[in-house]
Amino acid sequence: MNLPTTGRRVLVSGASRGLGRAVARVFAANGDRVAVHYATRADEARATLDSLSGTGHTLIGGDLSVPAEAARVVDEAAEALGGIDILVNNAAVNEPHPLPSTSYEEWTEAWQRHLSVNVLATALLSHRAARSMIDRGTGGRIINIGSRGAFRGEPDYPAYGATKAAVHALAQSLAVSLAPYGIGVASVAPGFFETERVAHRLTGQEGESIRAQSPFGRVATAEEVAEAVRWLASPGAEWAAGTTLDLNGASYLR
């Protein structure tokens, strides 16, 4: 079941800044209408919304780790846009918690936060959006934002690496489950890319070390990752269902 090339209805979770903002912009520039989701950064999310080209976009807040809130976010997006053709699961937490220097209580809290947002919220949004697509008979796309860290390990962010591996696995399972309904599911696995949140890490010696991970001698831009997401959601990418697309500038090969 082929999607139209423009005028699609897109929900992007965690779109207040960074990659989510870049993804929202690339879809809007394509002529699609976007529901910009945020958890707590309402002002930044409004800035994202105001920066989108075209019309018909909407802003939706909600705590995706709460099942009822996740369902409401999808339902409000579908109501505002007239349905959902594309879901981009971008919302995530990524907080350091290296085991040797993290207490048991802090370790437990870190894992609970990562699991509730990175895995549970992704699963909840995917179910609600996919059911809407199935019930409407429209088909669609679900794109999960994973990470290079799911494969190479994240010693300072172990819950992040583990939950991103789960995000990739979930996309593969849903790709098989939802293909008969015309729903293509795939994921991207970015390496290090520049956003406001990590800008401080790209200065000094640490920045040099991070850029040296890639033979290109740089890190990606959020826009480069967003373009890959847009392609996976395009009509011509149906056969990429089940794919995990590595986007790391040859910094990690598997």
C-alpha atoms as a PDB file:
ATOM      1  CA  MET A   1       0.000   0.000   0.000  1.00  0.00           C
ATOM      2  CA  ASN A   2       1.796   3.109  -1.214  1.00  0.00           C
ATOM      3  CA  LEU A   3       1.801   6.391   0.642  1.00  0.00           C
ATOM      4  CA  PRO A   4       1.422   9.707  -1.136  1.00  0.00           C
ATOM      5  CA  THR A   5       4.633  11.643  -1.654  1.00  0.00           C
ATOM      6  CA  THR A   6       3.409  14.811   0.060  1.00  0.00           C
ATOM      7  CA  GLY A   7       0.559  15.954   2.268  1.00  0.00           C
ATOM      8  CA  ARG A   8       1.116  13.109   4.699  1.00  0.00           C
ATOM      9  CA  ARG A   9       0.265  13.274   8.383  1.00  0.00           C
ATOM     10  CA  VAL A  10       3.296  12.858  10.637  1.00  0.00           C
ATOM     11  CA  LEU A  11       3.686  12.528  14.409  1.00  0.00           C
ATOM     12  CA  VAL A  12       7.210  13.162  15.717  1.00  0.00           C
ATOM     13  CA  SER A  13       7.766  12.421  19.397  1.00  0.00           C
ATOM     14  CA  GLY A  14      10.319  14.448  21.309  1.00  0.00           C
ATOM     15  CA  ALA A  15      10.378  17.225  18.721  1.00  0.00           C
ATOM     16  CA  SER A  16      11.061  20.240  20.926  1.00  0.00           C
ATOM     17  CA  ARG A  17      14.703  20.474  19.809  1.00  0.00           C
ATOM     18  CA  GLY A  18      17.636  18.519  18.389  1.00  0.00           C
ATOM     19  CA  LEU A  19      16.930  15.638  16.059  1.00  0.00           C
ATOM     20  CA  GLY A  20      13.179  15.774  16.637  1.00  0.00           C
ATOM     21  CA  ARG A  21      13.106  19.385  15.476  1.00  0.00           C
ATOM     22  CA  ALA A  22      15.188  18.517  12.398  1.00  0.00           C
ATOM     23  CA  VAL A  23      12.867  15.618  11.552  1.00  0.00           C
ATOM     24  CA  ALA A  24       9.785  17.807  11.908  1.00  0.00           C
ATOM     25  CA  ARG A  25      11.333  20.414   9.624  1.00  0.00           C
ATOM     26  CA  VAL A  26      12.332  17.979   6.895  1.00  0.00           C
ATOM     27  CA  PHE A  27       8.817  16.530   6.704  1.00  0.00           C
ATOM     28  CA  ALA A  28       7.225  19.977   6.707  1.00  0.00           C
ATOM     29  CA  ALA A  29       9.586  21.084   3.934  1.00  0.00           C
ATOM     30  CA  ASN A  30       8.371  18.057   1.960  1.00  0.00           C
ATOM     31  CA  GLY A  31       4.798  19.364   2.138  1.00  0.00           C
ATOM     32  CA  ASP A  32       3.661  17.137   4.994  1.00  0.00           C
ATOM     33  CA  ARG A  33       1.721  18.199   8.076  1.00  0.00           C
ATOM     34  CA  VAL A  34       3.413  17.531  11.407  1.00  0.00           C
ATOM     35  CA  ALA A  35       2.296  16.982  14.992  1.00  0.00           C
ATOM     36  CA  VAL A  36       5.135  18.249  17.187  1.00  0.00           C
ATOM     37  CA  HIS A  37       5.232  16.364  20.487  1.00  0.00           C
ATOM     38  CA  TYR A  38       7.008  17.528  23.616  1.00  0.00           C
ATOM     39  CA  ALA A  39       7.199  16.350  27.217  1.00  0.00           C
ATOM     40  CA  THR A  40       8.222  19.420  29.251  1.00  0.00           C
ATOM     41  CA  ARG A  41       9.905  21.935  26.905  1.00  0.00           C
ATOM     42  CA  ALA A  42       6.796  23.752  25.740  1.00  0.00           C
ATOM     43  CA  ASP A  43       8.577  26.944  24.694  1.00  0.00           C
ATOM     44  CA  GLU A  44      11.164  25.085  22.626  1.00  0.00           C
ATOM     45  CA  ALA A  45       8.441  22.949  21.068  1.00  0.00           C
ATOM     46  CA  ARG A  46       6.545  26.104  20.131  1.00  0.00           C
ATOM     47  CA  ALA A  47       9.749  27.376  18.494  1.00  0.00           C
ATOM     48  CA  THR A  48       9.906  24.147  16.495  1.00  0.00           C
ATOM     49  CA  LEU A  49       6.294  24.550  15.428  1.00  0.00           C
ATOM     50  CA  ASP A  50       6.837  28.176  14.418  1.00  0.00           C
ATOM     51  CA  SER A  51       9.863  27.201  12.313  1.00  0.00           C
ATOM     52  CA  LEU A  52       7.969  24.704  10.154  1.00  0.00           C
ATOM     53  CA  SER A  53       7.208  25.579   6.566  1.00  0.00           C
ATOM     54  CA  GLY A  54       3.673  25.163   5.306  1.00  0.00           C
ATOM     55  CA  THR A  55       0.476  25.057   7.351  1.00  0.00           C
ATOM     56  CA  GLY A  56      -1.700  22.622   9.266  1.00  0.00           C
ATOM     57  CA  HIS A  57       0.862  21.649  11.898  1.00  0.00           C
ATOM     58  CA  THR A  58      -0.028  21.118  15.548  1.00  0.00           C
ATOM     59  CA  LEU A  59       1.590  21.021  19.001  1.00  0.00           C
ATOM     60  CA  ILE A  60       0.890  18.250  21.528  1.00  0.00           C
ATOM     61  CA  GLY A  61       2.347  17.808  25.016  1.00  0.00           C
ATOM     62  CA  GLY A  62       2.338  14.668  27.098  1.00  0.00           C
ATOM     63  CA  ASP A  63       4.341  12.288  29.299  1.00  0.00           C
ATOM     64  CA  LEU A  64       4.815   9.266  27.060  1.00  0.00           C
ATOM     65  CA  SER A  65       5.887   7.005  29.921  1.00  0.00           C
ATOM     66  CA  VAL A  66       2.275   7.098  31.161  1.00  0.00           C
ATOM     67  CA  PRO A  67       0.139   4.747  29.020  1.00  0.00           C
ATOM     68  CA  ALA A  68      -2.943   6.957  29.066  1.00  0.00           C
ATOM     69  CA  GLU A  69      -0.866   9.989  28.079  1.00  0.00           C
ATOM     70  CA  ALA A  70       0.799   8.139  25.210  1.00  0.00           C
ATOM     71  CA  ALA A  71      -2.604   7.100  23.881  1.00  0.00           C
ATOM     72  CA  ARG A  72      -3.889  10.661  24.188  1.00  0.00           C
ATOM     73  CA  VAL A  73      -0.922  12.077  22.267  1.00  0.00           C
ATOM     74  CA  VAL A  74      -1.584   9.754  19.331  1.00  0.00           C
ATOM     75  CA  ASP A  75      -5.331  10.351  19.444  1.00  0.00           C
ATOM     76  CA  GLU A  76      -4.945  14.134  19.530  1.00  0.00           C
ATOM     77  CA  ALA A  77      -2.454  14.023  16.670  1.00  0.00           C
ATOM     78  CA  ALA A  78      -4.820  11.898  14.602  1.00  0.00           C
ATOM     79  CA  GLU A  79      -7.707  14.234  15.346  1.00  0.00           C
ATOM     80  CA  ALA A  80      -5.747  17.379  14.533  1.00  0.00           C
ATOM     81  CA  LEU A  81      -4.223  16.013  11.329  1.00  0.00           C
ATOM     82  CA  GLY A  82      -7.130  13.862  10.170  1.00  0.00           C
ATOM     83  CA  GLY A  83      -5.178  10.653  10.752  1.00  0.00           C
ATOM     84  CA  ILE A  84      -1.568   9.508  11.034  1.00  0.00           C
ATOM     85  CA  ASP A  85       0.449   8.198   8.113  1.00  0.00           C
ATOM     86  CA  ILE A  86       3.900   8.322   9.699  1.00  0.00           C
ATOM     87  CA  LEU A  87       5.086   7.924  13.286  1.00  0.00           C
ATOM     88  CA  VAL A  88       8.668   8.832  14.181  1.00  0.00           C
ATOM     89  CA  ASN A  89       9.620   7.488  17.618  1.00  0.00           C
ATOM     90  CA  ASN A  90      12.306   9.965  18.599  1.00  0.00           C
ATOM     91  CA  ALA A  91      11.594  10.734  22.271  1.00  0.00           C
ATOM     92  CA  ALA A  92      14.327   9.364  24.525  1.00  0.00           C
ATOM     93  CA  VAL A  93      16.365   9.953  27.659  1.00  0.00           C
ATOM     94  CA  ASN A  94      20.135   9.580  27.785  1.00  0.00           C
ATOM     95  CA  GLU A  95      21.682  10.187  31.191  1.00  0.00           C
ATOM     96  CA  PRO A  96      25.123   8.977  32.351  1.00  0.00           C
ATOM     97  CA  HIS A  97      25.192   6.167  34.934  1.00  0.00           C
ATOM     98  CA  PRO A  98      28.497   4.244  34.760  1.00  0.00           C
ATOM     99  CA  LEU A  99      28.219   1.239  37.036  1.00  0.00           C
ATOM    100  CA  PRO A 100      31.484   1.692  39.002  1.00  0.00           C
ATOM    101  CA  SER A 101      30.492   5.150  40.250  1.00  0.00           C
ATOM    102  CA  THR A 102      26.696   4.794  40.416  1.00  0.00           C
ATOM    103  CA  SER A 103      24.878   3.741  43.575  1.00  0.00           C
ATOM    104  CA  TYR A 104      22.316   0.959  43.490  1.00  0.00           C
ATOM    105  CA  GLU A 105      19.495   3.448  44.022  1.00  0.00           C
ATOM    106  CA  GLU A 106      20.729   5.725  41.218  1.00  0.00           C
ATOM    107  CA  TRP A 107      21.275   2.718  38.967  1.00  0.00           C
ATOM    108  CA  THR A 108      17.705   1.533  39.550  1.00  0.00           C
ATOM    109  CA  GLU A 109      16.264   4.972  38.851  1.00  0.00           C
ATOM    110  CA  ALA A 110      18.320   5.351  35.671  1.00  0.00           C
ATOM    111  CA  TRP A 111      17.139   2.019  34.296  1.00  0.00           C
ATOM    112  CA  GLN A 112      13.533   2.754  35.137  1.00  0.00           C
ATOM    113  CA  ARG A 113      13.678   6.141  33.362  1.00  0.00           C
ATOM    114  CA  HIS A 114      15.363   4.734  30.266  1.00  0.00           C
ATOM    115  CA  LEU A 115      13.019   1.776  30.023  1.00  0.00           C
ATOM    116  CA  SER A 116       9.869   3.851  30.535  1.00  0.00           C
ATOM    117  CA  VAL A 117      10.696   6.437  27.857  1.00  0.00           C
ATOM    118  CA  ASN A 118      12.989   4.696  25.384  1.00  0.00           C
ATOM    119  CA  VAL A 119      11.207   1.330  25.257  1.00  0.00           C
ATOM    120  CA  LEU A 120       7.746   1.500  26.807  1.00  0.00           C
ATOM    121  CA  ALA A 121       6.773   4.816  25.215  1.00  0.00           C
ATOM    122  CA  THR A 122       8.012   3.632  21.818  1.00  0.00           C
ATOM    123  CA  ALA A 123       5.934   0.479  22.127  1.00  0.00           C
ATOM    124  CA  LEU A 124       2.845   2.377  23.293  1.00  0.00           C
ATOM    125  CA  LEU A 125       2.976   4.986  20.537  1.00  0.00           C
ATOM    126  CA  SER A 126       3.612   2.296  17.943  1.00  0.00           C
ATOM    127  CA  HIS A 127       0.591   0.270  19.049  1.00  0.00           C
ATOM    128  CA  ARG A 128      -1.756   3.232  19.098  1.00  0.00           C
ATOM    129  CA  ALA A 129      -0.588   4.619  15.762  1.00  0.00           C
ATOM    130  CA  ALA A 130      -0.519   1.225  14.046  1.00  0.00           C
ATOM    131  CA  ARG A 131      -4.035   0.401  15.239  1.00  0.00           C
ATOM    132  CA  SER A 132      -5.215   3.718  13.805  1.00  0.00           C
ATOM    133  CA  MET A 133      -3.547   2.908  10.481  1.00  0.00           C
ATOM    134  CA  ILE A 134      -5.055  -0.605  10.456  1.00  0.00           C
ATOM    135  CA  ASP A 135      -8.540   0.602  11.356  1.00  0.00           C
ATOM    136  CA  ARG A 136      -8.426   3.280   8.672  1.00  0.00           C
ATOM    137  CA  GLY A 137      -6.967   0.886   6.121  1.00  0.00           C
ATOM    138  CA  THR A 138      -4.430   3.505   5.089  1.00  0.00           C
ATOM    139  CA  GLY A 139      -1.129   1.745   5.695  1.00  0.00           C
ATOM    140  CA  GLY A 140       1.759   3.892   6.847  1.00  0.00           C
ATOM    141  CA  ARG A 141       5.259   4.014   8.259  1.00  0.00           C
ATOM    142  CA  ILE A 142       6.811   3.757  11.716  1.00  0.00           C
ATOM    143  CA  ILE A 143      10.429   4.852  12.065  1.00  0.00           C
ATOM    144  CA  ASN A 144      12.305   4.277  15.327  1.00  0.00           C
ATOM    145  CA  ILE A 145      15.342   6.335  16.300  1.00  0.00           C
ATOM    146  CA  GLY A 146      17.902   3.927  17.705  1.00  0.00           C
ATOM    147  CA  SER A 147      21.641   4.325  18.168  1.00  0.00           C
ATOM    148  CA  ARG A 148      25.073   3.089  17.213  1.00  0.00           C
ATOM    149  CA  GLY A 149      25.451   2.454  20.946  1.00  0.00           C
ATOM    150  CA  ALA A 150      23.069  -0.490  20.687  1.00  0.00           C
ATOM    151  CA  PHE A 151      25.821  -2.391  18.888  1.00  0.00           C
ATOM    152  CA  ARG A 152      29.161  -1.070  20.130  1.00  0.00           C
ATOM    153  CA  GLY A 153      28.206  -0.646  23.807  1.00  0.00           C
ATOM    154  CA  GLU A 154      27.831   2.441  25.985  1.00  0.00           C
ATOM    155  CA  PRO A 155      29.953   2.033  29.148  1.00  0.00           C
ATOM    156  CA  ASP A 156      28.828   5.337  30.671  1.00  0.00           C
ATOM    157  CA  TYR A 157      25.238   4.987  29.418  1.00  0.00           C
ATOM    158  CA  PRO A 158      24.490   1.246  29.631  1.00  0.00           C
ATOM    159  CA  ALA A 159      20.721   1.605  29.943  1.00  0.00           C
ATOM    160  CA  TYR A 160      20.694   3.839  26.892  1.00  0.00           C
ATOM    161  CA  GLY A 161      22.601   1.296  24.807  1.00  0.00           C
ATOM    162  CA  ALA A 162      20.414  -1.567  26.004  1.00  0.00           C
ATOM    163  CA  THR A 163      17.134   0.246  25.446  1.00  0.00           C
ATOM    164  CA  LYS A 164      18.185   1.382  21.984  1.00  0.00           C
ATOM    165  CA  ALA A 165      18.944  -2.262  21.149  1.00  0.00           C
ATOM    166  CA  ALA A 166      15.397  -3.013  22.266  1.00  0.00           C
ATOM    167  CA  VAL A 167      14.095  -0.247  19.991  1.00  0.00           C
ATOM    168  CA  HIS A 168      15.826  -1.879  17.011  1.00  0.00           C
ATOM    169  CA  ALA A 169      14.472  -5.299  17.952  1.00  0.00           C
ATOM    170  CA  LEU A 170      10.967  -3.908  18.363  1.00  0.00           C
ATOM    171  CA  ALA A 171      11.108  -2.363  14.890  1.00  0.00           C
ATOM    172  CA  GLN A 172      12.085  -5.697  13.366  1.00  0.00           C
ATOM    173  CA  SER A 173       9.278  -7.545  15.130  1.00  0.00           C
ATOM    174  CA  LEU A 174       6.708  -4.943  14.112  1.00  0.00           C
ATOM    175  CA  ALA A 175       8.024  -4.925  10.542  1.00  0.00           C
ATOM    176  CA  VAL A 176       6.993  -8.562  10.175  1.00  0.00           C
ATOM    177  CA  SER A 177       3.746  -8.131  12.095  1.00  0.00           C
ATOM    178  CA  LEU A 178       2.498  -5.027  10.309  1.00  0.00           C
ATOM    179  CA  ALA A 179       3.631  -5.554   6.719  1.00  0.00           C
ATOM    180  CA  PRO A 180       0.382  -7.353   5.776  1.00  0.00           C
ATOM    181  CA  TYR A 181      -1.437  -4.112   6.642  1.00  0.00           C
ATOM    182  CA  GLY A 182       0.769  -1.960   4.430  1.00  0.00           C
ATOM    183  CA  ILE A 183       2.711  -0.558   7.362  1.00  0.00           C
ATOM    184  CA  GLY A 184       6.470  -0.401   6.900  1.00  0.00           C
ATOM    185  CA  VAL A 185       8.566  -0.307  10.066  1.00  0.00           C
ATOM    186  CA  ALA A 186      12.291   0.460  10.172  1.00  0.00           C
ATOM    187  CA  SER A 187      14.853   2.192  12.343  1.00  0.00           C
ATOM    188  CA  VAL A 188      17.962   4.324  12.110  1.00  0.00           C
ATOM    189  CA  ALA A 189      21.101   3.889  14.216  1.00  0.00           C
ATOM    190  CA  PRO A 190      22.921   7.225  14.303  1.00  0.00           C
ATOM    191  CA  GLY A 191      26.405   7.695  15.617  1.00  0.00           C
ATOM    192  CA  PHE A 192      27.381  10.958  17.266  1.00  0.00           C
ATOM    193  CA  PHE A 193      25.589  13.959  15.789  1.00  0.00           C
ATOM    194  CA  GLU A 194      25.596  17.588  16.823  1.00  0.00           C
ATOM    195  CA  THR A 195      22.684  19.030  18.799  1.00  0.00           C
ATOM    196  CA  GLU A 196      22.257  21.654  21.487  1.00  0.00           C
ATOM    197  CA  ARG A 197      22.325  18.960  24.166  1.00  0.00           C
ATOM    198  CA  VAL A 198      25.794  17.650  23.295  1.00  0.00           C
ATOM    199  CA  ALA A 199      27.439  20.814  21.947  1.00  0.00           C
ATOM    200  CA  HIS A 200      29.600  21.121  25.077  1.00  0.00           C
ATOM    201  CA  ARG A 201      31.142  17.694  24.377  1.00  0.00           C
ATOM    202  CA  LEU A 202      32.400  18.811  20.963  1.00  0.00           C
ATOM    203  CA  THR A 203      34.840  21.351  22.391  1.00  0.00           C
ATOM    204  CA  GLY A 204      38.446  20.769  23.394  1.00  0.00           C
ATOM    205  CA  GLN A 205      40.131  17.392  23.523  1.00  0.00           C
ATOM    206  CA  GLU A 206      36.886  15.444  23.938  1.00  0.00           C
ATOM    207  CA  GLY A 207      35.510  17.037  20.775  1.00  0.00           C
ATOM    208  CA  GLU A 208      38.645  16.126  18.838  1.00  0.00           C
ATOM    209  CA  SER A 209      38.385  12.537  20.055  1.00  0.00           C
ATOM    210  CA  ILE A 210      34.720  12.272  19.082  1.00  0.00           C
ATOM    211  CA  ARG A 211      35.312  13.672  15.601  1.00  0.00           C
ATOM    212  CA  ALA A 212      38.244  11.316  15.116  1.00  0.00           C
ATOM    213  CA  GLN A 213      35.914   8.325  15.512  1.00  0.00           C
ATOM    214  CA  SER A 214      34.859   8.835  11.889  1.00  0.00           C
ATOM    215  CA  PRO A 215      37.342   8.787   8.992  1.00  0.00           C
ATOM    216  CA  PHE A 216      35.536  11.907   7.766  1.00  0.00           C
ATOM    217  CA  GLY A 217      36.900  13.698  10.812  1.00  0.00           C
ATOM    218  CA  ARG A 218      33.568  15.149  11.849  1.00  0.00           C
ATOM    219  CA  VAL A 219      30.236  14.289  13.411  1.00  0.00           C
ATOM    220  CA  ALA A 220      26.894  14.234  11.640  1.00  0.00           C
ATOM    221  CA  THR A 221      24.377  17.020  11.592  1.00  0.00           C
ATOM    222  CA  ALA A 222      20.856  16.416  12.837  1.00  0.00           C
ATOM    223  CA  GLU A 223      19.663  17.289   9.335  1.00  0.00           C
ATOM    224  CA  GLU A 224      21.616  14.385   7.826  1.00  0.00           C
ATOM    225  CA  VAL A 225      19.911  11.946  10.173  1.00  0.00           C
ATOM    226  CA  ALA A 226      16.531  13.565   9.510  1.00  0.00           C
ATOM    227  CA  GLU A 227      16.955  13.098   5.765  1.00  0.00           C
ATOM    228  CA  ALA A 228      17.497   9.375   6.302  1.00  0.00           C
ATOM    229  CA  VAL A 229      14.325   9.219   8.384  1.00  0.00           C
ATOM    230  CA  ARG A 230      12.431  11.003   5.623  1.00  0.00           C
ATOM    231  CA  TRP A 231      13.689   8.497   3.063  1.00  0.00           C
ATOM    232  CA  LEU A 232      12.659   5.495   5.178  1.00  0.00           C
ATOM    233  CA  ALA A 233       9.173   7.021   5.376  1.00  0.00           C
ATOM    234  CA  SER A 234       8.991   7.676   1.639  1.00  0.00           C
ATOM    235  CA  PRO A 235       6.794   5.716  -0.780  1.00  0.00           C
ATOM    236  CA  GLY A 236       9.843   4.171  -2.427  1.00  0.00           C
ATOM    237  CA  ALA A 237      11.253   2.755   0.814  1.00  0.00           C
ATOM    238  CA  GLU A 238       8.626   0.116   1.566  1.00  0.00           C
ATOM    239  CA  TRP A 239      11.148  -2.642   0.849  1.00  0.00           C
ATOM    240  CA  ALA A 240      13.369  -1.239   3.613  1.00  0.00           C
ATOM    241  CA  ALA A 241      10.918  -2.591   6.204  1.00  0.00           C
ATOM    242  CA  GLY A 242      12.845  -4.317   8.987  1.00  0.00           C
ATOM    243  CA  THR A 243      15.999  -2.375   8.176  1.00  0.00           C
ATOM    244  CA  THR A 244      18.271  -0.810  10.762  1.00  0.00           C
ATOM    245  CA  LEU A 245      20.053   1.917   8.820  1.00  0.00           C
ATOM    246  CA  ASP A 246      23.507   2.739  10.209  1.00  0.00           C
ATOM    247  CA  LEU A 247      24.320   6.456  10.085  1.00  0.00           C
ATOM    248  CA  ASN A 248      27.697   6.804  11.718  1.00  0.00           C
ATOM    249  CA  GLY A 249      30.164   8.014   9.064  1.00  0.00           C
ATOM    250  CA  ALA A 250      32.003   4.665   9.108  1.00  0.00           C
ATOM    251  CA  SER A 251      32.833   5.189  12.780  1.00  0.00           C
ATOM    252  CA  TYR A 252      31.502   1.735  13.667  1.00  0.00           C
ATOM    253  CA  LEU A 253      31.161  -1.103  11.158  1.00  0.00           C
ATOM    254  CA  ARG A 254      29.318  -4.356  11.793  1.00  0.00           C
END
